[in-house]
Amino acid sequence: MILGGYMEEVVKKLKSMAAQLRIDTINAVHHAKSGHPGGSLSAADIIAALYFYKMRVNPAEPDWDDRDRFVLSKGHAAPILYAALARRGFFYIDELYKLRHVSSFLQGAPSLNTPGIDMTAGPLGQGLSAAVGISLAGKYKKKNYNTFVIIGDGEMQEGQIWEAAMAAAKFKLSRLVCFLDHNKIQMCGRIDDIMPVDCARDKMSAFGWEVKEINGHNMIEIVSLLDSLDTRTDQRPLFVVAHTVKGKGVSYMEDTFAWHGGVPNDEQYAIALKELEESKK
C-alpha cells in the first residue's frame, strides 16, 4: 500500500499513540502491583486505530445512541482499553493510577461503571455473544453504528464463541467486526500445546463469516482494513485474524506466557519504559 502524505502522518500518529497506550498500561499495572500486561500490549495497535482513527464516539456524551460500540471480550486486557479511554477524553489520565483500587471505577475487567465502556467482561467467551446482541439491536433499530469486539486465543476454546458465531451469521450482522488477538499464548502456555486454534480462519469461514488476516502490529494494514469497512457490501459479519505478539514492545515480555499476568519489578519497569519511549519516536 502506497501512502500519501496525509495518511503517512495518520499512521505515524497512530503508532505513537499505540506506544503511549503501552506506556500508560505499564505505568498503571506497576502502580497497582497487579494486572495483565501481556495481552494488553498485544492489543494496543488495534485499540489505538479503533479509538483514534475509526470509531465514532463522543467522550462528552458516552451514551450517544449513534456511537460505534466496542466490546473487550478478553477483559483481563482492560488496562490498554482504560488507557485509550483516558487518552480519548472519557476521564482524566490520573485515574489510570487507581487501577484495581477498591474505590476506583477501573477494575480488573471492564465494568459499566466506567465512562465509555459498552459491555462488562471477565468470564472469557461471553463478549462475542454480547456484541452479537448489540449489533442485532442496531440492525433492528435501523442504526448504522459498527460493533467491534476483540477476543483472545484462549476464548476460541469456549463453546459460547461458536454459538455466537452461528447467530451472527444467521442474522447477517454485517456491521459486526470481531478481531482475534492471535498472540498464540494463553494464561498457562502456548495454545498449540493446550488447544490449537490455528484453524480459526477456516472454522469461522465455515460458520458463515467473511474472514481476513492481518499483521496486528502493522498500522498500515490495520488502517487499510478499517477503511475498507466504509465500502464493504458483504452481508456477513467480519472476522479478522490479527497476528500479534504477547507483550509486544517490551523485550523481556514478548512471546512468553509468564507475562500474561504479572507485575514488573522496579528494574523491569524502568527497562519497559525506556524501550516504549524509544518506540514512540
C-alpha atoms as a PDB file:
ATOM      1  CA  MET A   1       0.000   0.000   0.000  1.00  0.00           C
ATOM      2  CA  ILE A   2       1.402   3.372  -1.067  1.00  0.00           C
ATOM      3  CA  LEU A   3       0.546   6.132   1.384  1.00  0.00           C
ATOM      4  CA  GLY A   4       0.088   9.798   0.590  1.00  0.00           C
ATOM      5  CA  GLY A   5       1.463  12.496   2.868  1.00  0.00           C
ATOM      6  CA  TYR A   6      -1.738  12.762   4.912  1.00  0.00           C
ATOM      7  CA  MET A   7      -2.030   9.035   5.561  1.00  0.00           C
ATOM      8  CA  GLU A   8       1.669   8.767   6.379  1.00  0.00           C
ATOM      9  CA  GLU A   9       1.101  11.329   9.114  1.00  0.00           C
ATOM     10  CA  VAL A  10      -2.015   9.496  10.339  1.00  0.00           C
ATOM     11  CA  VAL A  11      -0.147   6.195  10.571  1.00  0.00           C
ATOM     12  CA  LYS A  12       2.792   7.870  12.322  1.00  0.00           C
ATOM     13  CA  LYS A  13       0.480   9.401  14.930  1.00  0.00           C
ATOM     14  CA  LEU A  14      -1.355   6.123  15.486  1.00  0.00           C
ATOM     15  CA  LYS A  15       1.921   4.270  16.015  1.00  0.00           C
ATOM     16  CA  SER A  16       2.943   6.884  18.549  1.00  0.00           C
ATOM     17  CA  MET A  17      -0.430   6.625  20.281  1.00  0.00           C
ATOM     18  CA  ALA A  18      -0.144   2.835  20.472  1.00  0.00           C
ATOM     19  CA  ALA A  19       3.250   3.258  22.157  1.00  0.00           C
ATOM     20  CA  GLN A  20       1.735   5.777  24.569  1.00  0.00           C
ATOM     21  CA  LEU A  21      -1.077   3.384  25.446  1.00  0.00           C
ATOM     22  CA  ARG A  22       1.524   0.717  26.183  1.00  0.00           C
ATOM     23  CA  ILE A  23       3.378   3.165  28.441  1.00  0.00           C
ATOM     24  CA  ASP A  24       0.138   4.039  30.231  1.00  0.00           C
ATOM     25  CA  THR A  25      -0.583   0.340  30.698  1.00  0.00           C
ATOM     26  CA  ILE A  26       2.829  -0.426  32.189  1.00  0.00           C
ATOM     27  CA  ASN A  27       2.524   2.604  34.474  1.00  0.00           C
ATOM     28  CA  ALA A  28      -0.921   1.530  35.678  1.00  0.00           C
ATOM     29  CA  VAL A  29      -0.030  -2.126  36.229  1.00  0.00           C
ATOM     30  CA  HIS A  30       3.219  -1.295  38.009  1.00  0.00           C
ATOM     31  CA  HIS A  31       1.474   1.204  40.257  1.00  0.00           C
ATOM     32  CA  ALA A  32      -1.368  -1.220  41.035  1.00  0.00           C
ATOM     33  CA  LYS A  33       1.062  -4.099  41.608  1.00  0.00           C
ATOM     34  CA  SER A  34      -1.487  -6.222  39.773  1.00  0.00           C
ATOM     35  CA  GLY A  35      -2.737  -6.731  36.242  1.00  0.00           C
ATOM     36  CA  HIS A  36      -2.266  -8.415  32.882  1.00  0.00           C
ATOM     37  CA  PRO A  37       0.318  -6.630  30.733  1.00  0.00           C
ATOM     38  CA  GLY A  38       0.991  -9.302  28.078  1.00  0.00           C
ATOM     39  CA  GLY A  39      -2.387  -9.393  26.377  1.00  0.00           C
ATOM     40  CA  SER A  40      -2.845  -5.654  26.863  1.00  0.00           C
ATOM     41  CA  LEU A  41       0.313  -4.869  24.915  1.00  0.00           C
ATOM     42  CA  SER A  42      -0.563  -7.253  22.081  1.00  0.00           C
ATOM     43  CA  ALA A  43      -3.894  -5.461  21.506  1.00  0.00           C
ATOM     44  CA  ALA A  44      -2.511  -1.911  21.661  1.00  0.00           C
ATOM     45  CA  ASP A  45      -2.195  -1.211  17.943  1.00  0.00           C
ATOM     46  CA  ILE A  46      -5.719  -2.362  17.125  1.00  0.00           C
ATOM     47  CA  ILE A  47      -7.235  -0.404  20.003  1.00  0.00           C
ATOM     48  CA  ALA A  48      -5.258   2.715  19.073  1.00  0.00           C
ATOM     49  CA  ALA A  49      -6.547   2.533  15.498  1.00  0.00           C
ATOM     50  CA  LEU A  50     -10.126   1.957  16.637  1.00  0.00           C
ATOM     51  CA  TYR A  51     -10.307   4.770  19.178  1.00  0.00           C
ATOM     52  CA  PHE A  52      -8.120   7.347  17.453  1.00  0.00           C
ATOM     53  CA  TYR A  53      -8.972   6.709  13.809  1.00  0.00           C
ATOM     54  CA  LYS A  54     -12.115   4.729  13.132  1.00  0.00           C
ATOM     55  CA  MET A  55     -14.705   4.658  15.885  1.00  0.00           C
ATOM     56  CA  ARG A  56     -17.401   7.311  16.177  1.00  0.00           C
ATOM     57  CA  VAL A  57     -17.535   8.127  19.873  1.00  0.00           C
ATOM     58  CA  ASN A  58     -18.237  11.244  21.903  1.00  0.00           C
ATOM     59  CA  PRO A  59     -16.472  11.476  25.281  1.00  0.00           C
ATOM     60  CA  ALA A  60     -18.807  14.315  26.280  1.00  0.00           C
ATOM     61  CA  GLU A  61     -21.769  12.013  25.655  1.00  0.00           C
ATOM     62  CA  PRO A  62     -20.610   8.426  26.375  1.00  0.00           C
ATOM     63  CA  ASP A  63     -24.121   7.008  25.810  1.00  0.00           C
ATOM     64  CA  TRP A  64     -24.659   8.745  22.467  1.00  0.00           C
ATOM     65  CA  ASP A  65     -27.106   6.460  20.669  1.00  0.00           C
ATOM     66  CA  ASP A  66     -25.349   6.591  17.302  1.00  0.00           C
ATOM     67  CA  ARG A  67     -21.855   5.847  18.596  1.00  0.00           C
ATOM     68  CA  ASP A  68     -19.852   2.846  17.449  1.00  0.00           C
ATOM     69  CA  ARG A  69     -19.687   0.144  20.104  1.00  0.00           C
ATOM     70  CA  PHE A  70     -16.690  -1.763  21.427  1.00  0.00           C
ATOM     71  CA  VAL A  71     -16.573  -4.948  23.491  1.00  0.00           C
ATOM     72  CA  LEU A  72     -13.310  -6.145  25.022  1.00  0.00           C
ATOM     73  CA  SER A  73     -14.199  -9.792  25.470  1.00  0.00           C
ATOM     74  CA  LYS A  74     -10.700 -10.636  26.750  1.00  0.00           C
ATOM     75  CA  GLY A  75     -11.466  -8.494  29.764  1.00  0.00           C
ATOM     76  CA  HIS A  76      -8.162  -9.059  31.563  1.00  0.00           C
ATOM     77  CA  ALA A  77      -6.625  -6.722  28.935  1.00  0.00           C
ATOM     78  CA  ALA A  78      -8.641  -3.870  30.465  1.00  0.00           C
ATOM     79  CA  PRO A  79      -5.567  -1.678  31.186  1.00  0.00           C
ATOM     80  CA  ILE A  80      -4.988  -0.992  27.486  1.00  0.00           C
ATOM     81  CA  LEU A  81      -8.659  -0.119  26.988  1.00  0.00           C
ATOM     82  CA  TYR A  82      -8.642   2.176  30.013  1.00  0.00           C
ATOM     83  CA  ALA A  83      -5.566   3.903  28.627  1.00  0.00           C
ATOM     84  CA  ALA A  84      -7.361   4.504  25.312  1.00  0.00           C
ATOM     85  CA  LEU A  85     -10.469   5.843  27.033  1.00  0.00           C
ATOM     86  CA  ALA A  86      -8.385   8.189  29.159  1.00  0.00           C
ATOM     87  CA  ARG A  87      -6.356   9.471  26.215  1.00  0.00           C
ATOM     88  CA  ARG A  88      -9.600   9.875  24.212  1.00  0.00           C
ATOM     89  CA  GLY A  89     -11.002  12.113  26.955  1.00  0.00           C
ATOM     90  CA  PHE A  90     -13.578   9.940  28.726  1.00  0.00           C
ATOM     91  CA  PHE A  91     -11.859  10.563  32.066  1.00  0.00           C
ATOM     92  CA  TYR A  92      -8.658  12.043  33.456  1.00  0.00           C
ATOM     93  CA  ILE A  93      -5.330  10.312  32.829  1.00  0.00           C
ATOM     94  CA  ASP A  94      -4.627  10.287  36.572  1.00  0.00           C
ATOM     95  CA  GLU A  95      -7.457   7.792  37.051  1.00  0.00           C
ATOM     96  CA  LEU A  96      -5.187   5.140  35.498  1.00  0.00           C
ATOM     97  CA  TYR A  97      -3.133   5.201  38.688  1.00  0.00           C
ATOM     98  CA  LYS A  98      -6.208   3.987  40.570  1.00  0.00           C
ATOM     99  CA  LEU A  99      -6.360   0.748  38.576  1.00  0.00           C
ATOM    100  CA  ARG A 100      -7.800  -2.064  40.697  1.00  0.00           C
ATOM    101  CA  HIS A 101      -8.230   0.163  43.756  1.00  0.00           C
ATOM    102  CA  VAL A 102     -11.355  -0.660  45.750  1.00  0.00           C
ATOM    103  CA  SER A 103     -12.849   2.807  45.247  1.00  0.00           C
ATOM    104  CA  SER A 104     -11.929   3.090  41.556  1.00  0.00           C
ATOM    105  CA  PHE A 105     -14.161   2.644  38.501  1.00  0.00           C
ATOM    106  CA  LEU A 106     -11.166   0.991  36.782  1.00  0.00           C
ATOM    107  CA  GLN A 107     -11.342  -2.588  37.955  1.00  0.00           C
ATOM    108  CA  GLY A 108      -9.548  -5.711  36.731  1.00  0.00           C
ATOM    109  CA  ALA A 109     -12.105  -6.216  33.960  1.00  0.00           C
ATOM    110  CA  PRO A 110     -14.344  -3.649  32.238  1.00  0.00           C
ATOM    111  CA  SER A 111     -17.465  -2.507  34.080  1.00  0.00           C
ATOM    112  CA  LEU A 112     -20.388  -0.339  33.019  1.00  0.00           C
ATOM    113  CA  ASN A 113     -19.430   1.982  35.891  1.00  0.00           C
ATOM    114  CA  THR A 114     -16.578   3.208  33.695  1.00  0.00           C
ATOM    115  CA  PRO A 115     -17.304   6.043  31.226  1.00  0.00           C
ATOM    116  CA  GLY A 116     -17.010   4.765  27.664  1.00  0.00           C
ATOM    117  CA  ILE A 117     -17.487   1.065  28.442  1.00  0.00           C
ATOM    118  CA  ASP A 118     -20.236  -0.564  26.378  1.00  0.00           C
ATOM    119  CA  MET A 119     -20.167  -4.024  27.957  1.00  0.00           C
ATOM    120  CA  THR A 120     -18.784  -5.690  31.057  1.00  0.00           C
ATOM    121  CA  ALA A 121     -16.260  -8.507  30.792  1.00  0.00           C
ATOM    122  CA  GLY A 122     -14.471 -11.014  32.947  1.00  0.00           C
ATOM    123  CA  PRO A 123     -15.654 -14.584  32.265  1.00  0.00           C
ATOM    124  CA  LEU A 124     -13.995 -15.405  28.959  1.00  0.00           C
ATOM    125  CA  GLY A 125     -16.017 -16.403  25.913  1.00  0.00           C
ATOM    126  CA  GLN A 126     -19.038 -14.195  26.584  1.00  0.00           C
ATOM    127  CA  GLY A 127     -18.095 -10.954  24.852  1.00  0.00           C
ATOM    128  CA  LEU A 128     -18.867 -12.091  21.324  1.00  0.00           C
ATOM    129  CA  SER A 129     -22.395 -13.025  22.392  1.00  0.00           C
ATOM    130  CA  ALA A 130     -22.850  -9.550  23.853  1.00  0.00           C
ATOM    131  CA  ALA A 131     -21.506  -7.978  20.672  1.00  0.00           C
ATOM    132  CA  VAL A 132     -23.944 -10.049  18.614  1.00  0.00           C
ATOM    133  CA  GLY A 133     -26.809  -8.698  20.717  1.00  0.00           C
ATOM    134  CA  ILE A 134     -25.568  -5.115  20.438  1.00  0.00           C
ATOM    135  CA  SER A 135     -25.169  -5.426  16.675  1.00  0.00           C
ATOM    136  CA  LEU A 136     -28.550  -7.093  16.272  1.00  0.00           C
ATOM    137  CA  ALA A 137     -30.208  -4.291  18.232  1.00  0.00           C
ATOM    138  CA  GLY A 138     -28.642  -1.771  15.880  1.00  0.00           C
ATOM    139  CA  LYS A 139     -29.920  -3.654  12.867  1.00  0.00           C
ATOM    140  CA  TYR A 140     -33.468  -3.811  14.204  1.00  0.00           C
ATOM    141  CA  LYS A 141     -33.378  -0.097  15.072  1.00  0.00           C
ATOM    142  CA  LYS A 142     -32.003   0.662  11.590  1.00  0.00           C
ATOM    143  CA  LYS A 143     -28.906   2.258  13.090  1.00  0.00           C
ATOM    144  CA  ASN A 144     -25.657   2.402  11.150  1.00  0.00           C
ATOM    145  CA  TYR A 145     -23.224   2.034  14.034  1.00  0.00           C
ATOM    146  CA  ASN A 146     -20.441  -0.575  13.931  1.00  0.00           C
ATOM    147  CA  THR A 147     -19.851  -3.057  16.724  1.00  0.00           C
ATOM    148  CA  PHE A 148     -16.242  -4.066  17.274  1.00  0.00           C
ATOM    149  CA  VAL A 149     -15.100  -6.864  19.576  1.00  0.00           C
ATOM    150  CA  ILE A 150     -11.674  -8.246  20.480  1.00  0.00           C
ATOM    151  CA  ILE A 151     -11.351 -11.831  21.632  1.00  0.00           C
ATOM    152  CA  GLY A 152      -8.288 -13.799  22.724  1.00  0.00           C
ATOM    153  CA  ASP A 153      -6.806 -17.136  21.700  1.00  0.00           C
ATOM    154  CA  GLY A 154      -7.962 -18.900  24.862  1.00  0.00           C
ATOM    155  CA  GLU A 155     -11.510 -17.713  24.224  1.00  0.00           C
ATOM    156  CA  MET A 156     -11.617 -19.560  20.919  1.00  0.00           C
ATOM    157  CA  GLN A 157     -11.684 -22.718  23.026  1.00  0.00           C
ATOM    158  CA  GLU A 158     -15.000 -21.673  24.622  1.00  0.00           C
ATOM    159  CA  GLY A 159     -18.191 -23.186  23.234  1.00  0.00           C
ATOM    160  CA  GLN A 160     -20.118 -19.938  23.607  1.00  0.00           C
ATOM    161  CA  ILE A 161     -17.884 -18.324  20.988  1.00  0.00           C
ATOM    162  CA  TRP A 162     -19.193 -20.773  18.410  1.00  0.00           C
ATOM    163  CA  GLU A 163     -22.830 -20.327  19.410  1.00  0.00           C
ATOM    164  CA  ALA A 164     -22.405 -16.580  18.980  1.00  0.00           C
ATOM    165  CA  ALA A 165     -20.640 -17.107  15.653  1.00  0.00           C
ATOM    166  CA  MET A 166     -23.589 -19.086  14.326  1.00  0.00           C
ATOM    167  CA  ALA A 167     -26.062 -16.425  15.460  1.00  0.00           C
ATOM    168  CA  ALA A 168     -24.066 -13.573  13.911  1.00  0.00           C
ATOM    169  CA  ALA A 169     -24.009 -15.302  10.529  1.00  0.00           C
ATOM    170  CA  LYS A 170     -27.688 -16.282  10.733  1.00  0.00           C
ATOM    171  CA  PHE A 171     -28.777 -12.678  11.340  1.00  0.00           C
ATOM    172  CA  LYS A 172     -26.369 -11.284   8.716  1.00  0.00           C
ATOM    173  CA  LEU A 173     -24.736  -8.840  11.096  1.00  0.00           C
ATOM    174  CA  SER A 174     -22.615  -7.069   8.506  1.00  0.00           C
ATOM    175  CA  ARG A 175     -21.687  -4.275  10.926  1.00  0.00           C
ATOM    176  CA  LEU A 176     -20.134  -6.689  13.426  1.00  0.00           C
ATOM    177  CA  VAL A 177     -16.330  -6.924  13.300  1.00  0.00           C
ATOM    178  CA  CYS A 178     -14.514  -9.401  15.523  1.00  0.00           C
ATOM    179  CA  PHE A 179     -10.734  -9.214  15.948  1.00  0.00           C
ATOM    180  CA  LEU A 180      -8.883 -12.280  17.185  1.00  0.00           C
ATOM    181  CA  ASP A 181      -5.829 -11.029  19.079  1.00  0.00           C
ATOM    182  CA  HIS A 182      -3.870 -14.036  17.853  1.00  0.00           C
ATOM    183  CA  ASN A 183      -0.729 -13.877  20.001  1.00  0.00           C
ATOM    184  CA  LYS A 184      -0.577 -17.703  20.219  1.00  0.00           C
ATOM    185  CA  ILE A 185      -0.330 -17.691  24.018  1.00  0.00           C
ATOM    186  CA  GLN A 186      -2.849 -18.064  26.825  1.00  0.00           C
ATOM    187  CA  MET A 187      -2.503 -17.962  30.594  1.00  0.00           C
ATOM    188  CA  CYS A 188      -0.747 -21.309  31.133  1.00  0.00           C
ATOM    189  CA  GLY A 189       1.231 -21.734  27.929  1.00  0.00           C
ATOM    190  CA  ARG A 190       1.168 -21.783  24.148  1.00  0.00           C
ATOM    191  CA  ILE A 191      -2.157 -22.520  22.522  1.00  0.00           C
ATOM    192  CA  ASP A 192      -0.571 -25.154  20.272  1.00  0.00           C
ATOM    193  CA  ASP A 193       0.230 -27.156  23.394  1.00  0.00           C
ATOM    194  CA  ILE A 194      -3.100 -26.593  25.147  1.00  0.00           C
ATOM    195  CA  MET A 195      -5.779 -26.424  22.451  1.00  0.00           C
ATOM    196  CA  PRO A 196      -4.727 -25.193  18.987  1.00  0.00           C
ATOM    197  CA  VAL A 197      -6.818 -22.554  17.225  1.00  0.00           C
ATOM    198  CA  ASP A 198      -4.665 -22.041  14.147  1.00  0.00           C
ATOM    199  CA  CYS A 199      -7.566 -23.245  12.031  1.00  0.00           C
ATOM    200  CA  ALA A 200      -9.660 -20.284  13.217  1.00  0.00           C
ATOM    201  CA  ARG A 201      -9.771 -18.785   9.727  1.00  0.00           C
ATOM    202  CA  ASP A 202     -11.236 -21.907   8.140  1.00  0.00           C
ATOM    203  CA  LYS A 203     -13.623 -22.517  11.024  1.00  0.00           C
ATOM    204  CA  MET A 204     -15.061 -19.010  11.034  1.00  0.00           C
ATOM    205  CA  SER A 205     -15.430 -19.102   7.283  1.00  0.00           C
ATOM    206  CA  ALA A 206     -17.326 -22.372   7.601  1.00  0.00           C
ATOM    207  CA  PHE A 207     -19.550 -20.734  10.212  1.00  0.00           C
ATOM    208  CA  GLY A 208     -20.596 -18.129   7.663  1.00  0.00           C
ATOM    209  CA  TRP A 209     -18.242 -15.194   8.348  1.00  0.00           C
ATOM    210  CA  GLU A 210     -16.088 -13.246   5.954  1.00  0.00           C
ATOM    211  CA  VAL A 211     -12.526 -13.718   7.194  1.00  0.00           C
ATOM    212  CA  LYS A 212      -9.463 -11.544   6.730  1.00  0.00           C
ATOM    213  CA  GLU A 213      -5.932 -11.910   8.070  1.00  0.00           C
ATOM    214  CA  ILE A 214      -3.579  -9.090   9.050  1.00  0.00           C
ATOM    215  CA  ASN A 215      -0.430  -8.319  10.999  1.00  0.00           C
ATOM    216  CA  GLY A 216      -1.956  -6.876  14.168  1.00  0.00           C
ATOM    217  CA  HIS A 217       1.087  -4.653  14.728  1.00  0.00           C
ATOM    218  CA  ASN A 218       1.257  -3.242  11.205  1.00  0.00           C
ATOM    219  CA  MET A 219      -0.643   0.031  11.444  1.00  0.00           C
ATOM    220  CA  ILE A 220      -0.909   0.366   7.670  1.00  0.00           C
ATOM    221  CA  GLU A 221      -2.655  -3.000   7.440  1.00  0.00           C
ATOM    222  CA  ILE A 222      -4.961  -2.164  10.345  1.00  0.00           C
ATOM    223  CA  VAL A 223      -5.941   1.233   8.908  1.00  0.00           C
ATOM    224  CA  SER A 224      -6.432  -0.244   5.453  1.00  0.00           C
ATOM    225  CA  LEU A 225      -8.781  -2.869   6.857  1.00  0.00           C
ATOM    226  CA  LEU A 226     -10.762  -0.268   8.818  1.00  0.00           C
ATOM    227  CA  ASP A 227     -11.025   1.945   5.727  1.00  0.00           C
ATOM    228  CA  SER A 228     -12.406  -0.978   3.737  1.00  0.00           C
ATOM    229  CA  LEU A 229     -15.420  -1.135   6.055  1.00  0.00           C
ATOM    230  CA  ASP A 230     -16.790   2.074   4.531  1.00  0.00           C
ATOM    231  CA  THR A 231     -17.320   0.447   1.134  1.00  0.00           C
ATOM    232  CA  ARG A 232     -17.969  -3.117   2.270  1.00  0.00           C
ATOM    233  CA  THR A 233     -21.047  -4.740   0.693  1.00  0.00           C
ATOM    234  CA  ASP A 234     -20.690  -8.263   2.124  1.00  0.00           C
ATOM    235  CA  GLN A 235     -23.661  -9.012   4.399  1.00  0.00           C
ATOM    236  CA  ARG A 236     -21.685 -11.452   6.533  1.00  0.00           C
ATOM    237  CA  PRO A 237     -20.072 -10.484   9.835  1.00  0.00           C
ATOM    238  CA  LEU A 238     -16.327  -9.927   9.542  1.00  0.00           C
ATOM    239  CA  PHE A 239     -13.734 -11.938  11.457  1.00  0.00           C
ATOM    240  CA  VAL A 240     -10.169 -10.594  11.480  1.00  0.00           C
ATOM    241  CA  VAL A 241      -7.293 -12.882  12.422  1.00  0.00           C
ATOM    242  CA  ALA A 242      -4.763 -10.366  13.741  1.00  0.00           C
ATOM    243  CA  HIS A 243      -1.357 -11.972  14.226  1.00  0.00           C
ATOM    244  CA  THR A 244       0.225 -10.358  17.277  1.00  0.00           C
ATOM    245  CA  VAL A 245       2.960 -10.855  19.862  1.00  0.00           C
ATOM    246  CA  LYS A 246       2.212 -11.244  23.544  1.00  0.00           C
ATOM    247  CA  GLY A 247       3.856  -8.411  25.456  1.00  0.00           C
ATOM    248  CA  LYS A 248       4.647  -6.501  22.259  1.00  0.00           C
ATOM    249  CA  GLY A 249       7.036  -3.604  22.763  1.00  0.00           C
ATOM    250  CA  VAL A 250       8.780  -4.825  25.907  1.00  0.00           C
ATOM    251  CA  SER A 251      11.630  -7.185  25.043  1.00  0.00           C
ATOM    252  CA  TYR A 252      11.528  -9.422  28.124  1.00  0.00           C
ATOM    253  CA  MET A 253       7.729  -9.751  27.959  1.00  0.00           C
ATOM    254  CA  GLU A 254       7.440 -10.643  24.297  1.00  0.00           C
ATOM    255  CA  ASP A 255       6.172 -14.086  23.308  1.00  0.00           C
ATOM    256  CA  THR A 256       6.078 -15.603  26.786  1.00  0.00           C
ATOM    257  CA  PHE A 257       3.130 -16.722  28.893  1.00  0.00           C
ATOM    258  CA  ALA A 258       4.958 -15.630  32.060  1.00  0.00           C
ATOM    259  CA  TRP A 259       3.694 -12.105  31.364  1.00  0.00           C
ATOM    260  CA  HIS A 260       0.072 -12.992  30.731  1.00  0.00           C
ATOM    261  CA  GLY A 261      -0.391 -11.722  34.263  1.00  0.00           C
ATOM    262  CA  GLY A 262       2.413 -10.268  36.322  1.00  0.00           C
ATOM    263  CA  VAL A 263       3.925  -7.056  37.546  1.00  0.00           C
ATOM    264  CA  PRO A 264       7.373  -5.791  36.561  1.00  0.00           C
ATOM    265  CA  ASN A 265       9.671  -5.003  39.456  1.00  0.00           C
ATOM    266  CA  ASP A 266      11.290  -1.568  39.590  1.00  0.00           C
ATOM    267  CA  GLU A 267      14.220  -2.578  37.390  1.00  0.00           C
ATOM    268  CA  GLN A 268      11.988  -4.259  34.826  1.00  0.00           C
ATOM    269  CA  TYR A 269       9.634  -1.292  34.935  1.00  0.00           C
ATOM    270  CA  ALA A 270      12.466   1.091  34.055  1.00  0.00           C
ATOM    271  CA  ILE A 271      13.533  -1.125  31.145  1.00  0.00           C
ATOM    272  CA  ALA A 272       9.975  -1.307  29.829  1.00  0.00           C
ATOM    273  CA  LEU A 273       9.514   2.465  29.929  1.00  0.00           C
ATOM    274  CA  LYS A 274      12.822   3.072  28.190  1.00  0.00           C
ATOM    275  CA  GLU A 275      12.005   0.668  25.367  1.00  0.00           C
ATOM    276  CA  LEU A 276       8.471   2.002  24.906  1.00  0.00           C
ATOM    277  CA  GLU A 277       9.602   5.619  24.922  1.00  0.00           C
ATOM    278  CA  GLU A 278      12.076   4.740  22.186  1.00  0.00           C
ATOM    279  CA  SER A 279       9.265   3.192  20.120  1.00  0.00           C
ATOM    280  CA  LYS A 280       7.331   6.476  20.204  1.00  0.00           C
ATOM    281  CA  LYS A 281       9.985   8.289  18.171  1.00  0.00           C
END
